[in-house]
C-alpha atoms as a PDB file:
ATOM      1  CA  UNK A   1      25.567 -63.461  36.681  1.00  0.00           C
ATOM      2  CA  UNK A   2      29.246 -63.680  35.827  1.00  0.00           C
ATOM      3  CA  UNK A   3      30.262 -64.513  32.265  1.00  0.00           C
ATOM      4  CA  UNK A   4      33.411 -66.355  31.731  1.00  0.00           C
ATOM      5  CA  UNK A   5      35.260 -63.641  29.446  1.00  0.00           C
ATOM      6  CA  UNK A   6      39.362 -64.118  29.079  1.00  0.00           C
ATOM      7  CA  UNK A   7      42.252 -62.210  27.708  1.00  0.00           C
ATOM      8  CA  UNK A   8      42.962 -61.935  24.116  1.00  0.00           C
ATOM      9  CA  UNK A   9      46.125 -59.814  24.287  1.00  0.00           C
ATOM     10  CA  UNK A  10      47.064 -56.716  25.238  1.00  0.00           C
ATOM     11  CA  UNK A  11      46.151 -53.441  22.922  1.00  0.00           C
ATOM     12  CA  UNK A  12      48.724 -51.147  24.136  1.00  0.00           C
ATOM     13  CA  UNK A  13      52.754 -51.364  26.416  1.00  0.00           C
ATOM     14  CA  UNK A  14      55.888 -52.516  25.369  1.00  0.00           C
ATOM     15  CA  UNK A  15      56.358 -54.428  22.515  1.00  0.00           C
ATOM     16  CA  UNK A  16      52.941 -53.754  21.067  1.00  0.00           C
ATOM     17  CA  UNK A  17      52.108 -52.038  17.667  1.00  0.00           C
ATOM     18  CA  UNK A  18      51.520 -49.044  19.600  1.00  0.00           C
ATOM     19  CA  UNK A  19      54.535 -48.692  20.698  1.00  0.00           C
ATOM     20  CA  UNK A  20      56.076 -47.441  17.297  1.00  0.00           C
ATOM     21  CA  UNK A  21      53.494 -44.476  17.750  1.00  0.00           C
ATOM     22  CA  UNK A  22      55.353 -43.053  21.250  1.00  0.00           C
ATOM     23  CA  UNK A  23      52.074 -44.469  22.919  1.00  0.00           C
ATOM     24  CA  UNK A  24      53.454 -47.318  25.578  1.00  0.00           C
ATOM     25  CA  UNK A  25      51.141 -46.073  28.930  1.00  0.00           C
ATOM     26  CA  UNK A  26      48.383 -45.144  28.023  1.00  0.00           C
ATOM     27  CA  UNK A  27      44.360 -45.789  28.761  1.00  0.00           C
ATOM     28  CA  UNK A  28      40.634 -45.842  27.639  1.00  0.00           C
ATOM     29  CA  UNK A  29      41.281 -46.855  23.348  1.00  0.00           C
ATOM     30  CA  UNK A  30      37.677 -45.665  22.994  1.00  0.00           C
ATOM     31  CA  UNK A  31      37.044 -47.278  19.337  1.00  0.00           C
ATOM     32  CA  UNK A  32      34.653 -45.933  16.008  1.00  0.00           C
ATOM     33  CA  UNK A  33      34.679 -46.915  12.890  1.00  0.00           C
ATOM     34  CA  UNK A  34      35.779 -43.906  10.769  1.00  0.00           C
ATOM     35  CA  UNK A  35      34.115 -42.313   7.484  1.00  0.00           C
ATOM     36  CA  UNK A  36      35.520 -44.757   4.816  1.00  0.00           C
ATOM     37  CA  UNK A  37      34.273 -47.866   6.459  1.00  0.00           C
ATOM     38  CA  UNK A  38      37.267 -49.629   6.791  1.00  0.00           C
ATOM     39  CA  UNK A  39      39.639 -47.921   9.548  1.00  0.00           C
ATOM     40  CA  UNK A  40      38.848 -47.945  13.602  1.00  0.00           C
ATOM     41  CA  UNK A  41      40.057 -45.023  14.927  1.00  0.00           C
ATOM     42  CA  UNK A  42      41.323 -45.734  18.472  1.00  0.00           C
ATOM     43  CA  UNK A  43      41.154 -42.680  21.292  1.00  0.00           C
ATOM     44  CA  UNK A  44      43.470 -42.850  24.099  1.00  0.00           C
ATOM     45  CA  UNK A  45      43.523 -40.907  27.707  1.00  0.00           C
ATOM     46  CA  UNK A  46      46.541 -39.590  29.157  1.00  0.00           C
ATOM     47  CA  UNK A  47      49.807 -41.240  27.289  1.00  0.00           C
ATOM     48  CA  UNK A  48      53.301 -41.245  27.371  1.00  0.00           C
ATOM     49  CA  UNK A  49      56.269 -42.959  25.916  1.00  0.00           C
ATOM     50  CA  UNK A  50      56.972 -45.077  29.208  1.00  0.00           C
ATOM     51  CA  UNK A  51      55.150 -47.241  30.819  1.00  0.00           C
ATOM     52  CA  UNK A  52      53.756 -44.862  33.183  1.00  0.00           C
ATOM     53  CA  UNK A  53      52.498 -41.518  34.570  1.00  0.00           C
ATOM     54  CA  UNK A  54      56.099 -39.928  35.303  1.00  0.00           C
ATOM     55  CA  UNK A  55      58.107 -40.699  31.909  1.00  0.00           C
ATOM     56  CA  UNK A  56      58.192 -38.787  29.005  1.00  0.00           C
ATOM     57  CA  UNK A  57      55.899 -37.526  26.167  1.00  0.00           C
ATOM     58  CA  UNK A  58      52.885 -36.555  28.384  1.00  0.00           C
ATOM     59  CA  UNK A  59      49.289 -35.537  25.900  1.00  0.00           C
ATOM     60  CA  UNK A  60      46.149 -36.542  25.531  1.00  0.00           C
ATOM     61  CA  UNK A  61      44.231 -37.069  24.004  1.00  0.00           C
ATOM     62  CA  UNK A  62      45.502 -39.131  21.393  1.00  0.00           C
ATOM     63  CA  UNK A  63      44.291 -41.185  18.134  1.00  0.00           C
ATOM     64  CA  UNK A  64      45.793 -44.595  16.672  1.00  0.00           C
ATOM     65  CA  UNK A  65      44.190 -46.528  13.734  1.00  0.00           C
ATOM     66  CA  UNK A  66      43.747 -50.468  12.736  1.00  0.00           C
ATOM     67  CA  UNK A  67      42.283 -51.745  10.361  1.00  0.00           C
ATOM     68  CA  UNK A  68      38.895 -53.072  10.643  1.00  0.00           C
ATOM     69  CA  UNK A  69      38.808 -56.780  10.691  1.00  0.00           C
ATOM     70  CA  UNK A  70      37.168 -59.279  12.869  1.00  0.00           C
ATOM     71  CA  UNK A  71      38.647 -58.592  16.532  1.00  0.00           C
ATOM     72  CA  UNK A  72      39.399 -62.365  17.392  1.00  0.00           C
ATOM     73  CA  UNK A  73      42.539 -61.672  15.387  1.00  0.00           C
ATOM     74  CA  UNK A  74      44.028 -58.941  17.898  1.00  0.00           C
ATOM     75  CA  UNK A  75      44.759 -55.261  16.795  1.00  0.00           C
ATOM     76  CA  UNK A  76      47.804 -54.026  14.999  1.00  0.00           C
ATOM     77  CA  UNK A  77      47.767 -49.874  14.489  1.00  0.00           C
ATOM     78  CA  UNK A  78      49.356 -48.937  11.292  1.00  0.00           C
ATOM     79  CA  UNK A  79      49.137 -45.659  11.599  1.00  0.00           C
ATOM     80  CA  UNK A  80      48.301 -42.133  13.678  1.00  0.00           C
ATOM     81  CA  UNK A  81      46.888 -38.850  14.102  1.00  0.00           C
ATOM     82  CA  UNK A  82      50.052 -36.624  13.732  1.00  0.00           C
ATOM     83  CA  UNK A  83      52.139 -39.230  11.603  1.00  0.00           C
ATOM     84  CA  UNK A  84      55.084 -41.316  13.446  1.00  0.00           C
ATOM     85  CA  UNK A  85      54.593 -39.555  16.341  1.00  0.00           C
ATOM     86  CA  UNK A  86      51.041 -39.474  17.921  1.00  0.00           C
ATOM     87  CA  UNK A  87      49.963 -36.368  18.450  1.00  0.00           C
ATOM     88  CA  UNK A  88      47.378 -34.606  21.137  1.00  0.00           C
ATOM     89  CA  UNK A  89      44.670 -33.890  19.597  1.00  0.00           C
ATOM     90  CA  UNK A  90      43.346 -30.945  21.782  1.00  0.00           C
ATOM     91  CA  UNK A  91      46.121 -27.970  21.881  1.00  0.00           C
ATOM     92  CA  UNK A  92      45.218 -26.803  25.527  1.00  0.00           C
ATOM     93  CA  UNK A  93      45.879 -30.502  26.952  1.00  0.00           C
ATOM     94  CA  UNK A  94      48.566 -31.381  28.905  1.00  0.00           C
ATOM     95  CA  UNK A  95      49.407 -28.027  30.697  1.00  0.00           C
ATOM     96  CA  UNK A  96      49.288 -26.265  33.835  1.00  0.00           C
ATOM     97  CA  UNK A  97      48.060 -29.367  35.263  1.00  0.00           C
ATOM     98  CA  UNK A  98      44.904 -29.261  32.805  1.00  0.00           C
ATOM     99  CA  UNK A  99      44.407 -32.561  30.645  1.00  0.00           C
ATOM    100  CA  UNK A 100      41.746 -33.301  27.979  1.00  0.00           C
ATOM    101  CA  UNK A 101      40.078 -36.814  28.495  1.00  0.00           C
ATOM    102  CA  UNK A 102      37.796 -38.854  26.081  1.00  0.00           C
ATOM    103  CA  UNK A 103      34.341 -39.861  27.147  1.00  0.00           C
ATOM    104  CA  UNK A 104      33.324 -41.145  23.491  1.00  0.00           C
ATOM    105  CA  UNK A 105      33.676 -40.968  19.796  1.00  0.00           C
ATOM    106  CA  UNK A 106      30.670 -41.147  16.979  1.00  0.00           C
ATOM    107  CA  UNK A 107      31.066 -41.583  13.431  1.00  0.00           C
ATOM    108  CA  UNK A 108      27.755 -39.458  11.374  1.00  0.00           C
ATOM    109  CA  UNK A 109      28.694 -39.848   7.896  1.00  0.00           C
ATOM    110  CA  UNK A 110      31.668 -37.851   6.781  1.00  0.00           C
ATOM    111  CA  UNK A 111      32.288 -36.394  10.290  1.00  0.00           C
ATOM    112  CA  UNK A 112      33.898 -37.349  13.579  1.00  0.00           C
ATOM    113  CA  UNK A 113      32.452 -36.312  16.554  1.00  0.00           C
ATOM    114  CA  UNK A 114      34.932 -36.487  20.094  1.00  0.00           C
ATOM    115  CA  UNK A 115      32.985 -35.630  23.316  1.00  0.00           C
ATOM    116  CA  UNK A 116      35.757 -34.964  25.888  1.00  0.00           C
ATOM    117  CA  UNK A 117      36.355 -33.192  29.396  1.00  0.00           C
ATOM    118  CA  UNK A 118      38.651 -30.708  30.339  1.00  0.00           C
ATOM    119  CA  UNK A 119      40.175 -31.827  33.713  1.00  0.00           C
ATOM    120  CA  UNK A 120      41.196 -29.195  35.808  1.00  0.00           C
ATOM    121  CA  UNK A 121      43.281 -32.062  37.678  1.00  0.00           C
ATOM    122  CA  UNK A 122      41.647 -35.566  37.601  1.00  0.00           C
ATOM    123  CA  UNK A 123      37.956 -35.986  37.785  1.00  0.00           C
ATOM    124  CA  UNK A 124      37.843 -32.076  38.525  1.00  0.00           C
ATOM    125  CA  UNK A 125      36.211 -31.569  35.078  1.00  0.00           C
ATOM    126  CA  UNK A 126      35.376 -27.922  34.670  1.00  0.00           C
ATOM    127  CA  UNK A 127      34.139 -28.189  31.145  1.00  0.00           C
ATOM    128  CA  UNK A 128      33.091 -30.628  28.180  1.00  0.00           C
ATOM    129  CA  UNK A 129      32.922 -29.913  24.718  1.00  0.00           C
ATOM    130  CA  UNK A 130      31.914 -31.768  21.555  1.00  0.00           C
ATOM    131  CA  UNK A 131      35.554 -31.635  18.731  1.00  0.00           C
ATOM    132  CA  UNK A 132      34.985 -32.408  15.281  1.00  0.00           C
ATOM    133  CA  UNK A 133      37.135 -34.537  12.820  1.00  0.00           C
ATOM    134  CA  UNK A 134      36.714 -34.529   8.462  1.00  0.00           C
ATOM    135  CA  UNK A 135      39.608 -35.954   8.226  1.00  0.00           C
ATOM    136  CA  UNK A 136      39.277 -39.353   9.810  1.00  0.00           C
ATOM    137  CA  UNK A 137      40.525 -38.280  12.917  1.00  0.00           C
ATOM    138  CA  UNK A 138      43.765 -36.386  11.762  1.00  0.00           C
ATOM    139  CA  UNK A 139      42.803 -32.734  12.599  1.00  0.00           C
ATOM    140  CA  UNK A 140      40.018 -31.627  15.273  1.00  0.00           C
ATOM    141  CA  UNK A 141      38.092 -28.273  15.779  1.00  0.00           C
ATOM    142  CA  UNK A 142      36.702 -27.255  18.890  1.00  0.00           C
ATOM    143  CA  UNK A 143      32.691 -26.589  18.424  1.00  0.00           C
ATOM    144  CA  UNK A 144      30.617 -24.218  20.311  1.00  0.00           C
ATOM    145  CA  UNK A 145      28.660 -26.960  21.922  1.00  0.00           C
ATOM    146  CA  UNK A 146      30.416 -27.552  24.985  1.00  0.00           C
ATOM    147  CA  UNK A 147      28.872 -26.959  28.587  1.00  0.00           C
ATOM    148  CA  UNK A 148      29.968 -26.563  32.428  1.00  0.00           C
ATOM    149  CA  UNK A 149      31.346 -29.299  34.181  1.00  0.00           C
ATOM    150  CA  UNK A 150      28.528 -28.472  36.970  1.00  0.00           C
ATOM    151  CA  UNK A 151      25.894 -28.466  34.120  1.00  0.00           C
ATOM    152  CA  UNK A 152      22.809 -30.869  35.391  1.00  0.00           C
ATOM    153  CA  UNK A 153      24.378 -31.586  38.978  1.00  0.00           C
ATOM    154  CA  UNK A 154      27.505 -32.686  37.060  1.00  0.00           C
ATOM    155  CA  UNK A 155      25.973 -35.211  35.362  1.00  0.00           C
ATOM    156  CA  UNK A 156      27.143 -34.804  31.983  1.00  0.00           C
ATOM    157  CA  UNK A 157      30.562 -34.869  32.106  1.00  0.00           C
ATOM    158  CA  UNK A 158      30.895 -38.801  30.652  1.00  0.00           C
ATOM    159  CA  UNK A 159      28.523 -39.814  27.937  1.00  0.00           C
ATOM    160  CA  UNK A 160      28.484 -42.673  25.796  1.00  0.00           C
ATOM    161  CA  UNK A 161      26.235 -41.878  22.695  1.00  0.00           C
ATOM    162  CA  UNK A 162      25.322 -44.379  19.487  1.00  0.00           C
ATOM    163  CA  UNK A 163      22.975 -43.693  16.520  1.00  0.00           C
ATOM    164  CA  UNK A 164      19.514 -45.258  16.839  1.00  0.00           C
ATOM    165  CA  UNK A 165      18.820 -45.625  13.352  1.00  0.00           C
ATOM    166  CA  UNK A 166      15.520 -43.571  13.594  1.00  0.00           C
ATOM    167  CA  UNK A 167      17.452 -40.459  13.376  1.00  0.00           C
ATOM    168  CA  UNK A 168      18.332 -39.480  16.479  1.00  0.00           C
ATOM    169  CA  UNK A 169      21.371 -40.075  18.636  1.00  0.00           C
ATOM    170  CA  UNK A 170      21.208 -40.979  22.313  1.00  0.00           C
ATOM    171  CA  UNK A 171      23.563 -40.644  24.891  1.00  0.00           C
ATOM    172  CA  UNK A 172      23.746 -42.141  28.682  1.00  0.00           C
ATOM    173  CA  UNK A 173      25.503 -39.721  31.344  1.00  0.00           C
ATOM    174  CA  UNK A 174      27.035 -39.760  34.586  1.00  0.00           C
ATOM    175  CA  UNK A 175      29.526 -37.742  36.391  1.00  0.00           C
ATOM    176  CA  UNK A 176      33.214 -38.220  36.292  1.00  0.00           C
ATOM    177  CA  UNK A 177      33.303 -38.987  39.809  1.00  0.00           C
ATOM    178  CA  UNK A 178      32.330 -42.469  39.997  1.00  0.00           C
ATOM    179  CA  UNK A 179      29.883 -41.600  42.418  1.00  0.00           C
ATOM    180  CA  UNK A 180      26.609 -40.563  40.209  1.00  0.00           C
ATOM    181  CA  UNK A 181      24.089 -42.362  38.788  1.00  0.00           C
ATOM    182  CA  UNK A 182      23.244 -43.058  34.902  1.00  0.00           C
ATOM    183  CA  UNK A 183      21.044 -40.050  32.819  1.00  0.00           C
ATOM    184  CA  UNK A 184      19.752 -40.695  28.844  1.00  0.00           C
ATOM    185  CA  UNK A 185      19.469 -38.053  26.499  1.00  0.00           C
ATOM    186  CA  UNK A 186      18.571 -37.770  23.203  1.00  0.00           C
ATOM    187  CA  UNK A 187      19.525 -35.667  20.064  1.00  0.00           C
ATOM    188  CA  UNK A 188      18.488 -35.352  16.370  1.00  0.00           C
ATOM    189  CA  UNK A 189      21.606 -36.459  14.046  1.00  0.00           C
ATOM    190  CA  UNK A 190      21.281 -33.392  12.331  1.00  0.00           C
ATOM    191  CA  UNK A 191      21.432 -30.996  15.920  1.00  0.00           C
ATOM    192  CA  UNK A 192      24.086 -32.688  18.045  1.00  0.00           C
ATOM    193  CA  UNK A 193      25.973 -29.509  18.164  1.00  0.00           C
ATOM    194  CA  UNK A 194      22.986 -27.722  19.276  1.00  0.00           C
ATOM    195  CA  UNK A 195      22.965 -27.528  22.927  1.00  0.00           C
ATOM    196  CA  UNK A 196      19.055 -26.548  22.753  1.00  0.00           C
ATOM    197  CA  UNK A 197      18.587 -29.927  21.211  1.00  0.00           C
ATOM    198  CA  UNK A 198      19.597 -32.816  23.276  1.00  0.00           C
ATOM    199  CA  UNK A 199      17.034 -33.673  25.488  1.00  0.00           C
ATOM    200  CA  UNK A 200      16.948 -35.574  28.507  1.00  0.00           C
ATOM    201  CA  UNK A 201      14.688 -38.659  29.438  1.00  0.00           C
ATOM    202  CA  UNK A 202      12.650 -38.270  32.791  1.00  0.00           C
ATOM    203  CA  UNK A 203       9.813 -39.226  34.858  1.00  0.00           C
ATOM    204  CA  UNK A 204       7.138 -37.488  36.496  1.00  0.00           C
ATOM    205  CA  UNK A 205       4.089 -38.874  38.408  1.00  0.00           C
ATOM    206  CA  UNK A 206       1.896 -37.142  36.339  1.00  0.00           C
ATOM    207  CA  UNK A 207       3.457 -38.156  32.722  1.00  0.00           C
ATOM    208  CA  UNK A 208       5.381 -41.221  33.453  1.00  0.00           C
ATOM    209  CA  UNK A 209       8.400 -41.759  31.656  1.00  0.00           C
ATOM    210  CA  UNK A 210       8.604 -39.330  28.566  1.00  0.00           C
ATOM    211  CA  UNK A 211      10.906 -37.102  26.395  1.00  0.00           C
ATOM    212  CA  UNK A 212      11.599 -33.308  28.008  1.00  0.00           C
ATOM    213  CA  UNK A 213      10.445 -34.488  31.189  1.00  0.00           C
ATOM    214  CA  UNK A 214      13.455 -33.160  33.828  1.00  0.00           C
ATOM    215  CA  UNK A 215      16.122 -35.992  33.956  1.00  0.00           C
ATOM    216  CA  UNK A 216      15.746 -38.753  36.066  1.00  0.00           C
ATOM    217  CA  UNK A 217      18.377 -41.226  36.454  1.00  0.00           C
ATOM    218  CA  UNK A 218      17.660 -44.574  34.544  1.00  0.00           C
ATOM    219  CA  UNK A 219      19.693 -46.738  36.638  1.00  0.00           C
ATOM    220  CA  UNK A 220      21.432 -45.907  40.123  1.00  0.00           C
ATOM    221  CA  UNK A 221      24.845 -46.935  41.338  1.00  0.00           C
ATOM    222  CA  UNK A 222      28.496 -45.626  40.837  1.00  0.00           C
ATOM    223  CA  UNK A 223      29.194 -45.567  37.420  1.00  0.00           C
ATOM    224  CA  UNK A 224      32.388 -44.956  35.789  1.00  0.00           C
ATOM    225  CA  UNK A 225      33.321 -45.145  31.708  1.00  0.00           C
ATOM    226  CA  UNK A 226      30.504 -46.422  29.857  1.00  0.00           C
ATOM    227  CA  UNK A 227      30.015 -47.395  26.096  1.00  0.00           C
ATOM    228  CA  UNK A 228      27.094 -47.986  24.327  1.00  0.00           C
ATOM    229  CA  UNK A 229      27.273 -50.113  20.945  1.00  0.00           C
ATOM    230  CA  UNK A 230      24.931 -51.313  18.327  1.00  0.00           C
ATOM    231  CA  UNK A 231      25.492 -55.011  17.859  1.00  0.00           C
ATOM    232  CA  UNK A 232      23.458 -56.954  15.223  1.00  0.00           C
ATOM    233  CA  UNK A 233      19.727 -55.592  16.024  1.00  0.00           C
ATOM    234  CA  UNK A 234      20.445 -54.970  20.345  1.00  0.00           C
ATOM    235  CA  UNK A 235      22.049 -51.821  21.720  1.00  0.00           C
ATOM    236  CA  UNK A 236      24.906 -52.995  24.162  1.00  0.00           C
ATOM    237  CA  UNK A 237      25.752 -50.892  27.258  1.00  0.00           C
ATOM    238  CA  UNK A 238      28.758 -51.781  29.330  1.00  0.00           C
ATOM    239  CA  UNK A 239      29.875 -50.118  32.211  1.00  0.00           C
ATOM    240  CA  UNK A 240      32.732 -49.732  35.093  1.00  0.00           C
ATOM    241  CA  UNK A 241      30.435 -50.546  38.112  1.00  0.00           C
ATOM    242  CA  UNK A 242      32.599 -48.583  40.423  1.00  0.00           C
ATOM    243  CA  UNK A 243      30.824 -49.158  43.551  1.00  0.00           C
ATOM    244  CA  UNK A 244      31.056 -52.795  42.685  1.00  0.00           C
ATOM    245  CA  UNK A 245      34.467 -53.034  41.353  1.00  0.00           C
ATOM    246  CA  UNK A 246      33.265 -54.632  37.899  1.00  0.00           C
ATOM    247  CA  UNK A 247      32.396 -54.409  34.866  1.00  0.00           C
ATOM    248  CA  UNK A 248      29.261 -55.223  33.510  1.00  0.00           C
ATOM    249  CA  UNK A 249      27.101 -55.625  30.487  1.00  0.00           C
ATOM    250  CA  UNK A 250      23.094 -54.977  29.560  1.00  0.00           C
ATOM    251  CA  UNK A 251      21.511 -55.960  26.190  1.00  0.00           C
ATOM    252  CA  UNK A 252      19.068 -53.794  25.116  1.00  0.00           C
ATOM    253  CA  UNK A 253      16.421 -53.402  22.348  1.00  0.00           C
ATOM    254  CA  UNK A 254      16.443 -49.975  23.163  1.00  0.00           C
ATOM    255  CA  UNK A 255      17.866 -47.072  25.371  1.00  0.00           C
ATOM    256  CA  UNK A 256      14.940 -46.341  26.847  1.00  0.00           C
ATOM    257  CA  UNK A 257      14.569 -50.012  28.248  1.00  0.00           C
ATOM    258  CA  UNK A 258      14.429 -50.844  31.983  1.00  0.00           C
ATOM    259  CA  UNK A 259      17.509 -50.548  32.625  1.00  0.00           C
ATOM    260  CA  UNK A 260      16.828 -52.738  35.845  1.00  0.00           C
ATOM    261  CA  UNK A 261      15.278 -55.350  33.787  1.00  0.00           C
ATOM    262  CA  UNK A 262      17.337 -55.951  31.171  1.00  0.00           C
ATOM    263  CA  UNK A 263      19.497 -58.961  31.040  1.00  0.00           C
ATOM    264  CA  UNK A 264      22.939 -58.363  32.397  1.00  0.00           C
ATOM    265  CA  UNK A 265      26.570 -59.592  32.660  1.00  0.00           C
ATOM    266  CA  UNK A 266      28.979 -59.446  35.087  1.00  0.00           C
ATOM    267  CA  UNK A 267      32.058 -60.200  32.680  1.00  0.00           C
ATOM    268  CA  UNK A 268      34.720 -58.779  34.669  1.00  0.00           C
ATOM    269  CA  UNK A 269      35.557 -58.633  38.498  1.00  0.00           C
ATOM    270  CA  UNK A 270      37.962 -56.772  40.269  1.00  0.00           C
ATOM    271  CA  UNK A 271      40.810 -58.102  42.414  1.00  0.00           C
ATOM    272  CA  UNK A 272      44.252 -57.638  44.065  1.00  0.00           C
ATOM    273  CA  UNK A 273      46.984 -57.701  42.048  1.00  0.00           C
ATOM    274  CA  UNK A 274      48.187 -60.902  44.038  1.00  0.00           C
ATOM    275  CA  UNK A 275      45.371 -62.514  42.928  1.00  0.00           C
ATOM    276  CA  UNK A 276      45.059 -61.634  38.989  1.00  0.00           C
ATOM    277  CA  UNK A 277      43.989 -64.209  36.995  1.00  0.00           C
ATOM    278  CA  UNK A 278      42.796 -62.648  32.989  1.00  0.00           C
ATOM    279  CA  UNK A 279      42.160 -65.928  31.691  1.00  0.00           C
ATOM    280  CA  UNK A 280      39.140 -66.024  34.068  1.00  0.00           C
ATOM    281  CA  UNK A 281      38.061 -62.552  34.002  1.00  0.00           C
ATOM    282  CA  UNK A 282      39.963 -61.214  37.574  1.00  0.00           C
ATOM    283  CA  UNK A 283      41.845 -58.201  36.795  1.00  0.00           C
ATOM    284  CA  UNK A 284      43.321 -55.403  39.239  1.00  0.00           C
ATOM    285  CA  UNK A 285      42.121 -51.982  38.706  1.00  0.00           C
ATOM    286  CA  UNK A 286      40.557 -52.487  35.913  1.00  0.00           C
ATOM    287  CA  UNK A 287      37.991 -49.742  34.474  1.00  0.00           C
ATOM    288  CA  UNK A 288      36.831 -48.928  31.056  1.00  0.00           C
ATOM    289  CA  UNK A 289      35.043 -51.753  28.819  1.00  0.00           C
ATOM    290  CA  UNK A 290      34.659 -50.305  25.692  1.00  0.00           C
ATOM    291  CA  UNK A 291      33.012 -52.588  23.044  1.00  0.00           C
ATOM    292  CA  UNK A 292      35.332 -53.174  20.057  1.00  0.00           C
ATOM    293  CA  UNK A 293      33.289 -53.130  16.558  1.00  0.00           C
ATOM    294  CA  UNK A 294      33.049 -56.622  15.075  1.00  0.00           C
ATOM    295  CA  UNK A 295      31.600 -58.173  18.446  1.00  0.00           C
ATOM    296  CA  UNK A 296      28.655 -60.389  18.380  1.00  0.00           C
ATOM    297  CA  UNK A 297      26.876 -60.914  21.404  1.00  0.00           C
ATOM    298  CA  UNK A 298      28.027 -64.222  22.004  1.00  0.00           C
ATOM    299  CA  UNK A 299      31.381 -62.950  21.339  1.00  0.00           C
ATOM    300  CA  UNK A 300      31.552 -59.633  22.644  1.00  0.00           C
ATOM    301  CA  UNK A 301      35.162 -57.564  23.027  1.00  0.00           C
ATOM    302  CA  UNK A 302      35.690 -55.057  24.961  1.00  0.00           C
ATOM    303  CA  UNK A 303      39.065 -52.889  25.454  1.00  0.00           C
ATOM    304  CA  UNK A 304      39.818 -52.899  28.983  1.00  0.00           C
ATOM    305  CA  UNK A 305      42.293 -50.465  30.909  1.00  0.00           C
ATOM    306  CA  UNK A 306      44.275 -51.466  33.772  1.00  0.00           C
ATOM    307  CA  UNK A 307      46.708 -48.951  36.489  1.00  0.00           C
ATOM    308  CA  UNK A 308      48.613 -49.879  39.318  1.00  0.00           C
ATOM    309  CA  UNK A 309      48.678 -46.778  40.832  1.00  0.00           C
ATOM    310  CA  UNK A 310      51.022 -47.517  43.502  1.00  0.00           C
ATOM    311  CA  UNK A 311      53.906 -48.280  40.954  1.00  0.00           C
ATOM    312  CA  UNK A 312      53.012 -46.598  37.962  1.00  0.00           C
ATOM    313  CA  UNK A 313      54.598 -49.625  36.392  1.00  0.00           C
ATOM    314  CA  UNK A 314      51.505 -51.301  34.548  1.00  0.00           C
ATOM    315  CA  UNK A 315      49.562 -48.617  32.597  1.00  0.00           C
ATOM    316  CA  UNK A 316      47.681 -50.150  29.678  1.00  0.00           C
ATOM    317  CA  UNK A 317      44.895 -51.192  27.640  1.00  0.00           C
ATOM    318  CA  UNK A 318      43.765 -54.828  26.734  1.00  0.00           C
ATOM    319  CA  UNK A 319      41.349 -56.779  25.059  1.00  0.00           C
ATOM    320  CA  UNK A 320      39.045 -59.040  26.794  1.00  0.00           C
ATOM    321  CA  UNK A 321      36.189 -61.115  25.102  1.00  0.00           C
ATOM    322  CA  UNK A 322      33.388 -63.660  25.836  1.00  0.00           C
ATOM    323  CA  UNK A 323      29.614 -65.008  25.718  1.00  0.00           C
ATOM    324  CA  UNK A 324      27.671 -61.352  26.768  1.00  0.00           C
ATOM    325  CA  UNK A 325      24.208 -62.771  25.169  1.00  0.00           C
ATOM    326  CA  UNK A 326      20.812 -63.232  27.839  1.00  0.00           C
ATOM    327  CA  UNK A 327      21.518 -65.504  30.342  1.00  0.00           C
ATOM    328  CA  UNK A 328      19.476 -68.995  30.412  1.00  0.00           C
ATOM    329  CA  UNK A 329      15.938 -67.969  30.710  1.00  0.00           C
ATOM    330  CA  UNK A 330      15.997 -64.003  29.569  1.00  0.00           C
ATOM    331  CA  UNK A 331      15.605 -62.947  26.405  1.00  0.00           C
ATOM    332  CA  UNK A 332      16.966 -59.289  25.040  1.00  0.00           C
END
């Protein structure tokens, strides 16, 4: 089922509040509430001072901040990690063809966790690592929680994670090549940086679905960017469905729900540049789809990216919103 998501505003690009921090051409915009509960940190990928790749100021990732407010009012960035000019958060990035790209951000008590992927050429992930910040995203430290890009058959590169409310963090994972299925892991909140504590959700004929079985795909397909967030008493899972060129949203009561049966909507569809209609959810070269704090099921806000790879003149993040509640006749 296709829902009527519509564009609210540009989050980045010329003339937006991101530009005053040297963030004009960029993508992603992964939001997370920071430890003060009053500020949202937004983490962006490859970033430029101009409208897109090929212009000055290449750096990744960068972080902008906004005051926590209902997303219907739009987003105004009022500070950046780095001060007046948003700095790269990981010093190694953007040298010798290497770029560190963010996958997701999570706040646990006073610490912010960033899962990032080391790309030696786009989509060629050689390593993933968790970085932490204890000052609202201003400074970041690498941790020992690092994995080879080929771990688990390269299915643990791109992730999204969220607190489950039961002492665990739940993480959906996939590759970064947009050709792999979705997997599920969990880890105790107190052990996020302990690689051995990450437990897969898997199925065997003898035991059925259980934690500790070999990781088994929880949903087949060609997954791009993924976003898991608590919205009210539900979990919202949003993802870029690269195989079908669309962004989809599933409503879950728990991350272990059967994703083949979960209430699911297509909220945005890809199209050609001459057939775009942002008011009716048709977007050329779309990807991303990160759930924005303050959303409800009936009015869900997503950070959606768009990149014209032919001209590089459009490379930005936008805000779309609409009703993501269960289709009529279904319950979440």
